[in-house]
Amino acid sequence: MKIYLALTAVVFGLLTVMHLWRMVAESTSLARDPWFLAITLISAGLCLWAVRLLLAQRRSNH
């Protein structure tokens, strides 16, 4: 389960970082696109959720 949570956090984290980088590099018009913004926020939330679950699992194992 640890590998799955770590991989999930990395994948959604990379998606979030790439979306933020694309907003800065290309133009601010992407920041006004509701779908692009929603996907960015959802991926950031899923990344944080996976990190939180991974940390909670580590604490419960010790």
PDB file of N, CA and C in Angstrom:
ATOM      1  N   MET A   1       0.821  -1.198   0.000  1.00  0.00           N
ATOM      2  CA  MET A   1       0.000   0.000   0.000  1.00  0.00           C
ATOM      3  C   MET A   1       0.862   1.259   0.000  1.00  0.00           C
ATOM      4  N   LYS A   2       2.040   1.172   0.646  1.00  0.00           N
ATOM      5  CA  LYS A   2       2.917   2.343   0.694  1.00  0.00           C
ATOM      6  C   LYS A   2       3.383   2.762  -0.697  1.00  0.00           C
ATOM      7  N   ILE A   3       3.716   1.776  -1.514  1.00  0.00           N
ATOM      8  CA  ILE A   3       4.191   2.092  -2.865  1.00  0.00           C
ATOM      9  C   ILE A   3       3.082   2.755  -3.672  1.00  0.00           C
ATOM     10  N   TYR A   4       1.868   2.245  -3.542  1.00  0.00           N
ATOM     11  CA  TYR A   4       0.731   2.822  -4.262  1.00  0.00           C
ATOM     12  C   TYR A   4       0.500   4.274  -3.839  1.00  0.00           C
ATOM     13  N   LEU A   5       0.513   4.528  -2.542  1.00  0.00           N
ATOM     14  CA  LEU A   5       0.286   5.897  -2.063  1.00  0.00           C
ATOM     15  C   LEU A   5       1.411   6.830  -2.495  1.00  0.00           C
ATOM     16  N   ALA A   6       2.646   6.352  -2.428  1.00  0.00           N
ATOM     17  CA  ALA A   6       3.774   7.182  -2.845  1.00  0.00           C
ATOM     18  C   ALA A   6       3.690   7.487  -4.340  1.00  0.00           C
ATOM     19  N   LEU A   7       3.381   6.486  -5.141  1.00  0.00           N
ATOM     20  CA  LEU A   7       3.265   6.690  -6.581  1.00  0.00           C
ATOM     21  C   LEU A   7       2.110   7.627  -6.914  1.00  0.00           C
ATOM     22  N   THR A   8       0.991   7.473  -6.218  1.00  0.00           N
ATOM     23  CA  THR A   8      -0.152   8.355  -6.428  1.00  0.00           C
ATOM     24  C   THR A   8       0.209   9.800  -6.091  1.00  0.00           C
ATOM     25  N   ALA A   9       0.901  10.004  -4.980  1.00  0.00           N
ATOM     26  CA  ALA A   9       1.316  11.355  -4.596  1.00  0.00           C
ATOM     27  C   ALA A   9       2.251  11.957  -5.632  1.00  0.00           C
ATOM     28  N   VAL A  10       3.171  11.169  -6.131  1.00  0.00           N
ATOM     29  CA  VAL A  10       4.124  11.671  -7.133  1.00  0.00           C
ATOM     30  C   VAL A  10       3.414  12.019  -8.440  1.00  0.00           C
ATOM     31  N   VAL A  11       2.543  11.147  -8.909  1.00  0.00           N
ATOM     32  CA  VAL A  11       1.855  11.388 -10.181  1.00  0.00           C
ATOM     33  C   VAL A  11       0.979  12.639 -10.105  1.00  0.00           C
ATOM     34  N   PHE A  12       0.175  12.748  -9.063  1.00  0.00           N
ATOM     35  CA  PHE A  12      -0.687  13.926  -8.953  1.00  0.00           C
ATOM     36  C   PHE A  12       0.112  15.187  -8.634  1.00  0.00           C
ATOM     37  N   GLY A  13       1.208  15.037  -7.909  1.00  0.00           N
ATOM     38  CA  GLY A  13       2.076  16.178  -7.651  1.00  0.00           C
ATOM     39  C   GLY A  13       2.709  16.694  -8.930  1.00  0.00           C
ATOM     40  N   LEU A  14       3.193  15.782  -9.770  1.00  0.00           N
ATOM     41  CA  LEU A  14       3.775  16.188 -11.052  1.00  0.00           C
ATOM     42  C   LEU A  14       2.741  16.837 -11.960  1.00  0.00           C
ATOM     43  N   LEU A  15       1.532  16.297 -11.969  1.00  0.00           N
ATOM     44  CA  LEU A  15       0.464  16.901 -12.769  1.00  0.00           C
ATOM     45  C   LEU A  15       0.181  18.328 -12.303  1.00  0.00           C
ATOM     46  N   THR A  16       0.135  18.521 -11.005  1.00  0.00           N
ATOM     47  CA  THR A  16      -0.110  19.860 -10.454  1.00  0.00           C
ATOM     48  C   THR A  16       1.022  20.812 -10.814  1.00  0.00           C
ATOM     49  N   VAL A  17       2.260  20.365 -10.641  1.00  0.00           N
ATOM     50  CA  VAL A  17       3.412  21.219 -10.953  1.00  0.00           C
ATOM     51  C   VAL A  17       3.435  21.575 -12.438  1.00  0.00           C
ATOM     52  N   MET A  18       3.157  20.605 -13.291  1.00  0.00           N
ATOM     53  CA  MET A  18       3.148  20.877 -14.730  1.00  0.00           C
ATOM     54  C   MET A  18       2.031  21.856 -15.111  1.00  0.00           C
ATOM     55  N   HIS A  19       0.893  21.733 -14.488  1.00  0.00           N
ATOM     56  CA  HIS A  19      -0.195  22.672 -14.767  1.00  0.00           C
ATOM     57  C   HIS A  19       0.187  24.083 -14.325  1.00  0.00           C
ATOM     58  N   LEU A  20       0.771  24.195 -13.141  1.00  0.00           N
ATOM     59  CA  LEU A  20       1.181  25.521 -12.667  1.00  0.00           C
ATOM     60  C   LEU A  20       2.265  26.105 -13.564  1.00  0.00           C
ATOM     61  N   TRP A  21       3.218  25.265 -13.978  1.00  0.00           N
ATOM     62  CA  TRP A  21       4.284  25.726 -14.863  1.00  0.00           C
ATOM     63  C   TRP A  21       3.705  26.186 -16.200  1.00  0.00           C
ATOM     64  N   ARG A  22       2.743  25.423 -16.714  1.00  0.00           N
ATOM     65  CA  ARG A  22       2.122  25.779 -17.995  1.00  0.00           C
ATOM     66  C   ARG A  22       1.360  27.099 -17.892  1.00  0.00           C
ATOM     67  N   MET A  23       0.695  27.337 -16.749  1.00  0.00           N
ATOM     68  CA  MET A  23      -0.009  28.607 -16.558  1.00  0.00           C
ATOM     69  C   MET A  23       0.955  29.778 -16.580  1.00  0.00           C
ATOM     70  N   VAL A  24       2.121  29.605 -15.974  1.00  0.00           N
ATOM     71  CA  VAL A  24       3.104  30.680 -15.926  1.00  0.00           C
ATOM     72  C   VAL A  24       3.791  30.843 -17.279  1.00  0.00           C
ATOM     73  N   ALA A  25       4.169  29.745 -17.915  1.00  0.00           N
ATOM     74  CA  ALA A  25       4.951  29.796 -19.148  1.00  0.00           C
ATOM     75  C   ALA A  25       4.138  30.251 -20.353  1.00  0.00           C
ATOM     76  N   GLU A  26       2.926  29.748 -20.485  1.00  0.00           N
ATOM     77  CA  GLU A  26       2.166  30.048 -21.692  1.00  0.00           C
ATOM     78  C   GLU A  26       1.427  31.380 -21.597  1.00  0.00           C
ATOM     79  N   SER A  27       0.519  31.458 -20.678  1.00  0.00           N
ATOM     80  CA  SER A  27      -0.223  32.708 -20.512  1.00  0.00           C
ATOM     81  C   SER A  27      -1.131  32.592 -19.306  1.00  0.00           C
ATOM     82  N   THR A  28      -1.664  33.706 -18.919  1.00  0.00           N
ATOM     83  CA  THR A  28      -2.585  33.689 -17.788  1.00  0.00           C
ATOM     84  C   THR A  28      -4.003  33.320 -18.224  1.00  0.00           C
ATOM     85  N   SER A  29      -4.220  33.139 -19.524  1.00  0.00           N
ATOM     86  CA  SER A  29      -5.568  32.767 -19.979  1.00  0.00           C
ATOM     87  C   SER A  29      -5.940  31.367 -19.481  1.00  0.00           C
ATOM     88  N   LEU A  30      -4.934  30.516 -19.256  1.00  0.00           N
ATOM     89  CA  LEU A  30      -5.228  29.190 -18.699  1.00  0.00           C
ATOM     90  C   LEU A  30      -5.763  29.298 -17.277  1.00  0.00           C
ATOM     91  N   ALA A  31      -5.322  30.312 -16.549  1.00  0.00           N
ATOM     92  CA  ALA A  31      -5.784  30.495 -15.177  1.00  0.00           C
ATOM     93  C   ALA A  31      -7.259  30.887 -15.136  1.00  0.00           C
ATOM     94  N   ARG A  32      -7.775  31.350 -16.252  1.00  0.00           N
ATOM     95  CA  ARG A  32      -9.192  31.720 -16.315  1.00  0.00           C
ATOM     96  C   ARG A  32     -10.065  30.615 -16.889  1.00  0.00           C
ATOM     97  N   ASP A  33      -9.447  29.545 -17.375  1.00  0.00           N
ATOM     98  CA  ASP A  33     -10.197  28.406 -17.921  1.00  0.00           C
ATOM     99  C   ASP A  33     -10.690  27.550 -16.757  1.00  0.00           C
ATOM    100  N   PRO A  34     -11.995  27.454 -16.561  1.00  0.00           N
ATOM    101  CA  PRO A  34     -12.507  26.734 -15.382  1.00  0.00           C
ATOM    102  C   PRO A  34     -12.144  25.248 -15.360  1.00  0.00           C
ATOM    103  N   TRP A  35     -12.105  24.586 -16.512  1.00  0.00           N
ATOM    104  CA  TRP A  35     -11.752  23.164 -16.537  1.00  0.00           C
ATOM    105  C   TRP A  35     -10.293  22.937 -16.178  1.00  0.00           C
ATOM    106  N   PHE A  36      -9.426  23.761 -16.733  1.00  0.00           N
ATOM    107  CA  PHE A  36      -7.998  23.637 -16.441  1.00  0.00           C
ATOM    108  C   PHE A  36      -7.742  23.907 -14.962  1.00  0.00           C
ATOM    109  N   LEU A  37      -8.375  24.913 -14.442  1.00  0.00           N
ATOM    110  CA  LEU A  37      -8.231  25.256 -13.029  1.00  0.00           C
ATOM    111  C   LEU A  37      -8.802  24.162 -12.130  1.00  0.00           C
ATOM    112  N   ALA A  38      -9.939  23.597 -12.506  1.00  0.00           N
ATOM    113  CA  ALA A  38     -10.549  22.523 -11.712  1.00  0.00           C
ATOM    114  C   ALA A  38      -9.652  21.285 -11.678  1.00  0.00           C
ATOM    115  N   ILE A  39      -9.095  20.915 -12.826  1.00  0.00           N
ATOM    116  CA  ILE A  39      -8.200  19.755 -12.873  1.00  0.00           C
ATOM    117  C   ILE A  39      -6.960  20.004 -12.028  1.00  0.00           C
ATOM    118  N   THR A  40      -6.440  21.215 -12.073  1.00  0.00           N
ATOM    119  CA  THR A  40      -5.258  21.556 -11.271  1.00  0.00           C
ATOM    120  C   THR A  40      -5.569  21.456  -9.781  1.00  0.00           C
ATOM    121  N   LEU A  41      -6.685  21.999  -9.357  1.00  0.00           N
ATOM    122  CA  LEU A  41      -7.050  21.961  -7.941  1.00  0.00           C
ATOM    123  C   LEU A  41      -7.372  20.544  -7.471  1.00  0.00           C
ATOM    124  N   ILE A  42      -8.038  19.776  -8.310  1.00  0.00           N
ATOM    125  CA  ILE A  42      -8.360  18.392  -7.944  1.00  0.00           C
ATOM    126  C   ILE A  42      -7.086  17.564  -7.831  1.00  0.00           C
ATOM    127  N   SER A  43      -6.165  17.729  -8.766  1.00  0.00           N
ATOM    128  CA  SER A  43      -4.917  16.965  -8.699  1.00  0.00           C
ATOM    129  C   SER A  43      -4.082  17.375  -7.486  1.00  0.00           C
ATOM    130  N   ALA A  44      -4.090  18.647  -7.133  1.00  0.00           N
ATOM    131  CA  ALA A  44      -3.374  19.092  -5.929  1.00  0.00           C
ATOM    132  C   ALA A  44      -4.015  18.480  -4.687  1.00  0.00           C
ATOM    133  N   GLY A  45      -5.334  18.452  -4.647  1.00  0.00           N
ATOM    134  CA  GLY A  45      -6.031  17.855  -3.511  1.00  0.00           C
ATOM    135  C   GLY A  45      -5.760  16.365  -3.382  1.00  0.00           C
ATOM    136  N   LEU A  46      -5.753  15.654  -4.508  1.00  0.00           N
ATOM    137  CA  LEU A  46      -5.467  14.223  -4.473  1.00  0.00           C
ATOM    138  C   LEU A  46      -4.026  13.945  -4.061  1.00  0.00           C
ATOM    139  N   CYS A  47      -3.111  14.798  -4.475  1.00  0.00           N
ATOM    140  CA  CYS A  47      -1.710  14.658  -4.059  1.00  0.00           C
ATOM    141  C   CYS A  47      -1.582  14.843  -2.554  1.00  0.00           C
ATOM    142  N   LEU A  48      -2.201  15.886  -2.031  1.00  0.00           N
ATOM    143  CA  LEU A  48      -2.131  16.137  -0.591  1.00  0.00           C
ATOM    144  C   LEU A  48      -2.806  15.025   0.204  1.00  0.00           C
ATOM    145  N   TRP A  49      -3.890  14.506  -0.307  1.00  0.00           N
ATOM    146  CA  TRP A  49      -4.594  13.416   0.360  1.00  0.00           C
ATOM    147  C   TRP A  49      -3.716  12.159   0.414  1.00  0.00           C
ATOM    148  N   ALA A  50      -3.048  11.846  -0.697  1.00  0.00           N
ATOM    149  CA  ALA A  50      -2.167  10.683  -0.735  1.00  0.00           C
ATOM    150  C   ALA A  50      -0.991  10.857   0.227  1.00  0.00           C
ATOM    151  N   VAL A  51      -0.436  12.062   0.289  1.00  0.00           N
ATOM    152  CA  VAL A  51       0.673  12.326   1.219  1.00  0.00           C
ATOM    153  C   VAL A  51       0.191  12.172   2.656  1.00  0.00           C
ATOM    154  N   ARG A  52      -0.984  12.693   2.945  1.00  0.00           N
ATOM    155  CA  ARG A  52      -1.538  12.580   4.299  1.00  0.00           C
ATOM    156  C   ARG A  52      -1.767  11.126   4.696  1.00  0.00           C
ATOM    157  N   LEU A  53      -2.307  10.334   3.789  1.00  0.00           N
ATOM    158  CA  LEU A  53      -2.526   8.913   4.066  1.00  0.00           C
ATOM    159  C   LEU A  53      -1.204   8.166   4.228  1.00  0.00           C
ATOM    160  N   LEU A  54      -0.222   8.535   3.430  1.00  0.00           N
ATOM    161  CA  LEU A  54       1.097   7.895   3.520  1.00  0.00           C
ATOM    162  C   LEU A  54       1.748   8.212   4.863  1.00  0.00           C
ATOM    163  N   LEU A  55       1.658   9.445   5.297  1.00  0.00           N
ATOM    164  CA  LEU A  55       2.234   9.825   6.602  1.00  0.00           C
ATOM    165  C   LEU A  55       1.484   9.154   7.748  1.00  0.00           C
ATOM    166  N   ALA A  56       0.174   9.059   7.642  1.00  0.00           N
ATOM    167  CA  ALA A  56      -0.618   8.407   8.686  1.00  0.00           C
ATOM    168  C   ALA A  56      -0.287   6.912   8.762  1.00  0.00           C
ATOM    169  N   GLN A  57      -0.060   6.309   7.617  1.00  0.00           N
ATOM    170  CA  GLN A  57       0.294   4.892   7.599  1.00  0.00           C
ATOM    171  C   GLN A  57       1.672   4.675   8.207  1.00  0.00           C
ATOM    172  N   ARG A  58       2.607   5.560   7.938  1.00  0.00           N
ATOM    173  CA  ARG A  58       3.940   5.443   8.527  1.00  0.00           C
ATOM    174  C   ARG A  58       3.900   5.572  10.052  1.00  0.00           C
ATOM    175  N   ARG A  59       3.073   6.514  10.539  1.00  0.00           N
ATOM    176  CA  ARG A  59       2.960   6.714  11.984  1.00  0.00           C
ATOM    177  C   ARG A  59       2.328   5.511  12.676  1.00  0.00           C
ATOM    178  N   SER A  60       1.365   4.891  12.013  1.00  0.00           N
ATOM    179  CA  SER A  60       0.688   3.747  12.635  1.00  0.00           C
ATOM    180  C   SER A  60       1.571   2.496  12.631  1.00  0.00           C
ATOM    181  N   ASN A  61       2.547   2.425  11.757  1.00  0.00           N
ATOM    182  CA  ASN A  61       3.447   1.269  11.706  1.00  0.00           C
ATOM    183  C   ASN A  61       4.545   1.346  12.764  1.00  0.00           C
ATOM    184  N   HIS A  62       4.799   2.517  13.284  1.00  0.00           N
ATOM    185  CA  HIS A  62       5.876   2.663  14.285  1.00  0.00           C
ATOM    186  C   HIS A  62       5.375   2.563  15.670  1.00  0.00           C
TER     187      HIS A  62
END
